[in-house]
């Protein structure tokens, strides 16, 4: 016959086991990828940490469904219909995209919770779908940041903008610096230039001559004109 202490120990073990059995499915469920389909597009969303803010997850998902269909329509109608976004607990960068999969650092989203348009930048990389050696890396990132500038839903709250020209800037510096240059070309030299550059990169027809064909000026001459216009 069990004595009092043995019975109490057994009860504690049973209670712990019951609690563990109850909580385990909840924890496992929280870590499972969510699959959401809207208007022909499917997002597989996986937060590796089940405690990652549910509201923030929803905000990131909303950016995807707000902007990805628009970018597909405007830039590349043959883009993927299924995309995966993973909120990674170990990745120490910001975000990257490859083969229909986007990885975003949880640490970055916790540090910069308003930077939800990181999704806009990364889904544009999926839309770009450039083949290897299709063109310059600075242009790849410049186009993606230009798209974030034009389509972003929360740039102001994230304190994200295109920088004013500085002496050490050059179009090859990529990202926002290149994006501002592209925006100037759109507004002052050739409307629709970014879409044509994007298509040329995807079709692997990009050459330095495209700048002359689009604007009547070589790339370096365009940059010089941009610098002169912004220092006047």
Foldseek 3Di string as FASTA:
>chain_A
DDDPVRVVVVVVVVVVVVVCVVCVVVQVVLQAWDWDDDPQAIETEGENHSPQDPVLSVLLVVLCVQALVVLCVQANVPFDRYAYEYADDPDPDAWADDDRYIYGHSVNCVVQVLVSCVSQLHSVLRRLQFDPPLDAPLLNQLLSLLRCQVRPDRCVVSVHDQDQDDPPQDSNVHHSSVVVLVVCCCVPFAPPLSSVQSVSRRVSNDDQCVCCVGGVDGPVVSRVVVVVVRVD
